[in-house]
């Protein structure tokens, strides 16, 4: 693969930095793109795209606002510029096919093929790492995870599995034209996930189900922007209503193995001390 150079957008994010690491471990040249990188890459500043794309033959595409009309337009414009610059294939991090704002997501997915790129779409679920690297970390440390998800089930997935599928799609034949539905191996409630972390850490943790109204009020009281409050309430409602209570077989199709289980993630992360207080 000596002629390959992969552009990784969102390279400082949970999946982007893992994709970057795995590609480098395989000896594949990588350009890790972010606003703080050199050259800088910013979805909101299209003047930064040309330098980031220069020499790239493949791309891992992560847009922070996928599902919005602006993001669909961004991905379409980016795909056209990438193809014109010589890129041949792209992997897009996407959302489940039955998630909210589906039409804008599908528009972004279709844009890759319309631009003439070989494409692979990764439709992913809630990351395990949200509990250790993102917005659920502080609630775990506090001892109470207070959410409006009820007893709805989700097929949480490991960001490491997502990254492995992305790297396979970027470096191996046989993945072009695939929509991979990526999930973990079992359906879990948020109460189940918190209980796994409690077991792994030996700490007294509990999940507290809230109404959407109570959750929104707590978030506003903590200074969370209204746009983020509305977005998260909608996301949790999709879990609460059972809209994500299904498993995907994408990890097995792409990698020929089962996805990692949440209990393994909880044990490994607990040993690393991430949830120590």
Foldseek 3Di string as FASTA:
>chain_A
DVLAEEEEEPCVDLQNVLLVVVCVVVVHHYDDEDCPGVVHDDLVDCVSLPVSLASHQEYEDEDPPQLDLSVLVSLLVSLLSNVVNHHAEYEYEAADCLAPSNVSNVSSQVSNVVSVHQYEYEHEWAELCCCQPHDNVVCLLVQEAEEQLAFFKAQYAHSNLVSVLRNLCGPHPDRGPYHFHDGADAIGGVQRLSVLLCVLQVHRHGYHHDHLVVQLVVCVVVVNDPVVSVVRSSVSVCRNVRVRRDHTCRSCVRPVDHGDDSNVVSNVVSVVVSNPD
